[in-house]
Amino acid sequence: MSIFTSINDSALTVLFTAWGYDMTALELVAVITSLIGVWLGTTGKQIMWPWWGLSSALYGWLFFDFQLYASALLQIVFIAASIWGWFGWGPSGAKSQVLSWRNRALVLLIGILVWLAITPVLISWGAAAAKPDAFGLVFSVIAQIIMVLEFRENWILWFVVDGAYTVLYWQQDLKFTSVLYIVFTAIALRGWVAWQRLQITISS
């Protein structure tokens, strides 16, 4: 048995069973770090990015084991974004701003076209739930980019994406992660309100 296999088996050790669901060590730690990272994101503080990167690495590992390849690839984007965001925001944190209606429409159109383009690729790879997983991949990347660029609309996209992931992960028997995404959906609403106040504070 290789070292990696041994580590993987240890990470996937079931810590406890709740309502018939087996909670592994890997999923539990990923959930905790994700909650911390996302909550810190609503505050616009730079310290969110290390937590974001760590939780992304853990979830990349977990999703790969569940053959959710788009979700696993997405975590690589998140890790890169955590580095970009750390230096982009700087010690002062995010300075909230808004997209024009034209740019909002452009972002939506690009997202839909890319989603339709990559779905057949994931199907050819034998990915589980290729269509919803591709949707989450595309619009999470867009949300991540405009979050790093400090546009408040990132929280609207996160709200939609997190709602879609709630359903996807429940169907793929990642029920604890699905519950986490329900929380993320609620946090996205808080993020929208908090960044609006941040924008008002900065501009005043």
Protein backbone atom coordinates (compact mmCIF):
# COMPACT_ATOMS: atom_id res chain seq x y z
CA MET A 1 0.00 0.00 0.00
CA SER A 2 1.41 3.41 -0.99
CA ILE A 3 1.77 6.30 1.44
CA PHE A 4 -0.87 8.28 -0.47
CA THR A 5 -3.34 5.39 -0.28
CA SER A 6 -2.72 5.09 3.44
CA ILE A 7 -3.26 8.83 3.99
CA ASN A 8 -6.37 8.78 1.82
CA ASP A 9 -7.83 5.84 3.73
CA SER A 10 -7.14 7.58 7.04
CA ALA A 11 -8.79 10.80 5.85
CA LEU A 12 -11.85 8.87 4.74
CA THR A 13 -12.16 7.12 8.09
CA VAL A 14 -15.72 7.41 9.39
CA LEU A 15 -15.71 9.45 12.61
CA PHE A 16 -19.39 9.04 13.41
CA THR A 17 -22.73 8.18 11.86
CA ALA A 18 -25.69 10.56 12.17
CA TRP A 19 -29.15 9.69 10.83
CA GLY A 20 -27.59 6.97 8.70
CA TYR A 21 -24.93 9.28 7.21
CA ASP A 22 -21.25 8.45 7.65
CA MET A 23 -19.15 11.51 8.44
CA THR A 24 -15.50 11.15 7.43
CA ALA A 25 -12.60 13.04 8.96
CA LEU A 26 -11.86 14.72 5.64
CA GLU A 27 -15.38 16.01 5.09
CA LEU A 28 -15.71 17.26 8.68
CA VAL A 29 -12.48 19.29 8.55
CA ALA A 30 -13.38 20.60 5.08
CA VAL A 31 -16.78 21.75 6.34
CA ILE A 32 -15.33 23.57 9.35
CA THR A 33 -12.63 25.39 7.38
CA SER A 34 -15.12 26.32 4.65
CA LEU A 35 -17.54 27.83 7.13
CA ILE A 36 -14.78 29.96 8.64
CA GLY A 37 -13.55 31.10 5.22
CA VAL A 38 -16.97 31.99 3.81
CA TRP A 39 -18.05 33.82 6.95
CA LEU A 40 -14.86 35.87 6.96
CA GLY A 41 -15.53 36.66 3.30
CA THR A 42 -18.69 38.56 4.25
CA THR A 43 -16.57 40.91 6.36
CA GLY A 44 -14.29 41.78 3.44
CA LYS A 45 -11.20 41.05 5.52
CA GLN A 46 -7.96 39.79 3.99
CA ILE A 47 -7.65 36.97 6.55
CA MET A 48 -10.41 35.03 4.75
CA TRP A 49 -8.07 33.98 1.94
CA PRO A 50 -5.84 31.47 3.81
CA TRP A 51 -8.96 29.74 5.13
CA TRP A 52 -10.44 29.80 1.62
CA GLY A 53 -7.33 28.16 0.17
CA LEU A 54 -7.15 25.46 2.86
CA SER A 55 -10.82 24.52 2.59
CA SER A 56 -10.51 24.41 -1.21
CA ALA A 57 -7.59 21.97 -1.02
CA LEU A 58 -9.55 19.70 1.32
CA TYR A 59 -12.68 19.78 -0.80
CA GLY A 60 -10.68 19.17 -3.97
CA TRP A 61 -9.47 15.96 -2.40
CA LEU A 62 -12.97 14.96 -1.27
CA PHE A 63 -14.69 15.71 -4.59
CA PHE A 64 -12.07 13.80 -6.57
CA ASP A 65 -12.81 10.73 -4.48
CA PHE A 66 -16.51 11.13 -5.33
CA GLN A 67 -15.78 11.56 -9.07
CA LEU A 68 -17.19 15.10 -9.06
CA TYR A 69 -14.40 16.20 -11.37
CA ALA A 70 -15.71 19.69 -12.14
CA SER A 71 -16.08 20.40 -8.44
CA ALA A 72 -12.56 19.07 -7.85
CA LEU A 73 -11.08 21.21 -10.65
CA LEU A 74 -12.92 24.21 -9.28
CA GLN A 75 -10.99 23.94 -6.02
CA ILE A 76 -7.74 24.51 -7.94
CA VAL A 77 -9.22 27.78 -9.20
CA PHE A 78 -10.20 28.68 -5.63
CA ILE A 79 -6.67 27.99 -4.36
CA ALA A 80 -5.21 30.24 -7.07
CA ALA A 81 -7.84 32.89 -6.26
CA SER A 82 -6.93 32.76 -2.57
CA ILE A 83 -3.37 33.82 -3.48
CA TRP A 84 -4.62 36.48 -5.90
CA GLY A 85 -7.17 37.74 -3.37
CA TRP A 86 -4.63 37.93 -0.53
CA PHE A 87 -2.41 40.29 -2.51
CA GLY A 88 -5.25 42.00 -4.39
CA TRP A 89 -7.23 43.03 -1.32
CA GLY A 90 -4.20 43.87 0.79
CA PRO A 91 -4.30 44.53 4.55
CA SER A 92 -7.16 47.02 4.18
CA GLY A 93 -9.51 44.33 2.82
CA ALA A 94 -12.16 44.60 0.09
CA LYS A 95 -13.44 47.93 -1.21
CA SER A 96 -16.94 47.05 -2.37
CA GLN A 97 -18.14 48.31 -5.77
CA VAL A 98 -20.91 47.38 -8.23
CA LEU A 99 -21.06 46.22 -11.84
CA SER A 100 -23.00 48.14 -14.46
CA TRP A 101 -26.18 46.49 -15.82
CA ARG A 102 -24.39 45.98 -19.14
CA ASN A 103 -21.55 44.10 -17.46
CA ARG A 104 -23.99 42.05 -15.42
CA ALA A 105 -25.71 40.91 -18.63
CA LEU A 106 -22.34 40.19 -20.24
CA VAL A 107 -21.21 38.09 -17.28
CA LEU A 108 -24.45 36.09 -17.39
CA LEU A 109 -24.20 35.48 -21.15
CA ILE A 110 -20.57 34.34 -20.97
CA GLY A 111 -21.41 32.03 -18.09
CA ILE A 112 -24.27 30.34 -19.94
CA LEU A 113 -22.23 29.85 -23.12
CA VAL A 114 -19.24 28.35 -21.29
CA TRP A 115 -21.54 26.12 -19.22
CA LEU A 116 -23.12 24.70 -22.37
CA ALA A 117 -19.69 24.21 -23.94
CA ILE A 118 -18.02 22.27 -21.13
CA THR A 119 -20.93 20.04 -20.14
CA PRO A 120 -20.31 17.57 -23.03
CA VAL A 121 -16.62 17.42 -22.06
CA LEU A 122 -17.47 16.36 -18.51
CA ILE A 123 -19.94 13.80 -19.85
CA SER A 124 -17.18 12.33 -22.02
CA TRP A 125 -14.97 12.04 -18.91
CA GLY A 126 -17.64 9.99 -17.18
CA ALA A 127 -18.18 12.65 -14.53
CA ALA A 128 -21.03 12.25 -12.08
CA ALA A 129 -23.90 14.75 -12.54
CA ALA A 130 -22.04 16.53 -15.34
CA LYS A 131 -24.63 19.20 -16.17
CA PRO A 132 -25.21 20.64 -12.66
CA ASP A 133 -21.56 20.16 -11.77
CA ALA A 134 -20.53 22.13 -14.87
CA PHE A 135 -23.00 24.88 -13.92
CA GLY A 136 -21.43 25.12 -10.49
CA LEU A 137 -17.93 25.14 -11.95
CA VAL A 138 -18.55 27.96 -14.44
CA PHE A 139 -20.53 30.30 -12.23
CA SER A 140 -18.34 29.66 -9.18
CA VAL A 141 -15.30 30.71 -11.22
CA ILE A 142 -17.10 33.86 -12.31
CA ALA A 143 -18.25 34.59 -8.76
CA GLN A 144 -14.72 34.02 -7.50
CA ILE A 145 -13.19 36.38 -10.06
CA ILE A 146 -15.58 39.24 -9.36
CA MET A 147 -15.17 38.63 -5.63
CA VAL A 148 -11.40 39.07 -5.93
CA LEU A 149 -12.08 42.19 -8.02
CA GLU A 150 -14.28 43.39 -5.13
CA PHE A 151 -17.63 43.58 -6.95
CA ARG A 152 -20.60 43.09 -4.66
CA GLU A 153 -22.50 41.02 -7.26
CA ASN A 154 -20.32 38.05 -6.36
CA TRP A 155 -22.76 37.37 -3.53
CA ILE A 156 -25.72 37.11 -5.93
CA LEU A 157 -23.86 34.47 -7.91
CA TRP A 158 -22.79 32.64 -4.76
CA PHE A 159 -26.42 32.56 -3.64
CA VAL A 160 -27.51 30.86 -6.89
CA VAL A 161 -24.50 28.54 -7.09
CA ASP A 162 -24.70 27.48 -3.45
CA GLY A 163 -28.40 26.69 -3.86
CA ALA A 164 -27.60 24.50 -6.89
CA TYR A 165 -24.77 22.76 -5.04
CA THR A 166 -27.09 22.06 -2.10
CA VAL A 167 -29.23 19.89 -4.38
CA LEU A 168 -26.29 18.33 -6.24
CA TYR A 169 -24.37 17.22 -3.17
CA TRP A 170 -27.48 15.83 -1.51
CA GLN A 171 -28.15 13.73 -4.60
CA GLN A 172 -24.52 12.54 -4.61
CA ASP A 173 -24.84 11.40 -0.98
CA LEU A 174 -22.62 14.17 0.41
CA LYS A 175 -25.41 15.12 2.76
CA PHE A 176 -23.37 16.93 5.39
CA THR A 177 -21.75 19.03 2.69
CA SER A 178 -25.23 19.66 1.26
CA VAL A 179 -26.35 21.03 4.62
CA LEU A 180 -23.21 23.18 4.65
CA TYR A 181 -24.25 24.67 1.31
CA ILE A 182 -27.65 25.58 2.75
CA VAL A 183 -25.70 27.62 5.31
CA PHE A 184 -23.54 29.07 2.52
CA THR A 185 -26.70 30.16 0.68
CA ALA A 186 -27.83 32.07 3.75
CA ILE A 187 -24.36 33.54 4.27
CA ALA A 188 -24.41 34.81 0.67
CA LEU A 189 -27.41 36.96 1.56
CA ARG A 190 -25.51 38.33 4.54
CA GLY A 191 -22.53 38.99 2.29
CA TRP A 192 -24.66 41.06 -0.11
CA VAL A 193 -25.96 43.22 2.74
CA ALA A 194 -22.59 43.49 4.48
CA TRP A 195 -20.77 44.53 1.29
CA GLN A 196 -23.48 47.12 0.60
CA ARG A 197 -22.75 48.65 3.97
CA LEU A 198 -19.03 48.40 3.25
CA GLN A 199 -19.56 50.29 -0.01
CA ILE A 200 -21.54 53.00 1.77
CA THR A 201 -18.87 53.31 4.44
CA ILE A 202 -16.07 53.60 1.88
CA SER A 203 -17.87 56.14 -0.28
CA SER A 204 -19.03 58.29 2.63
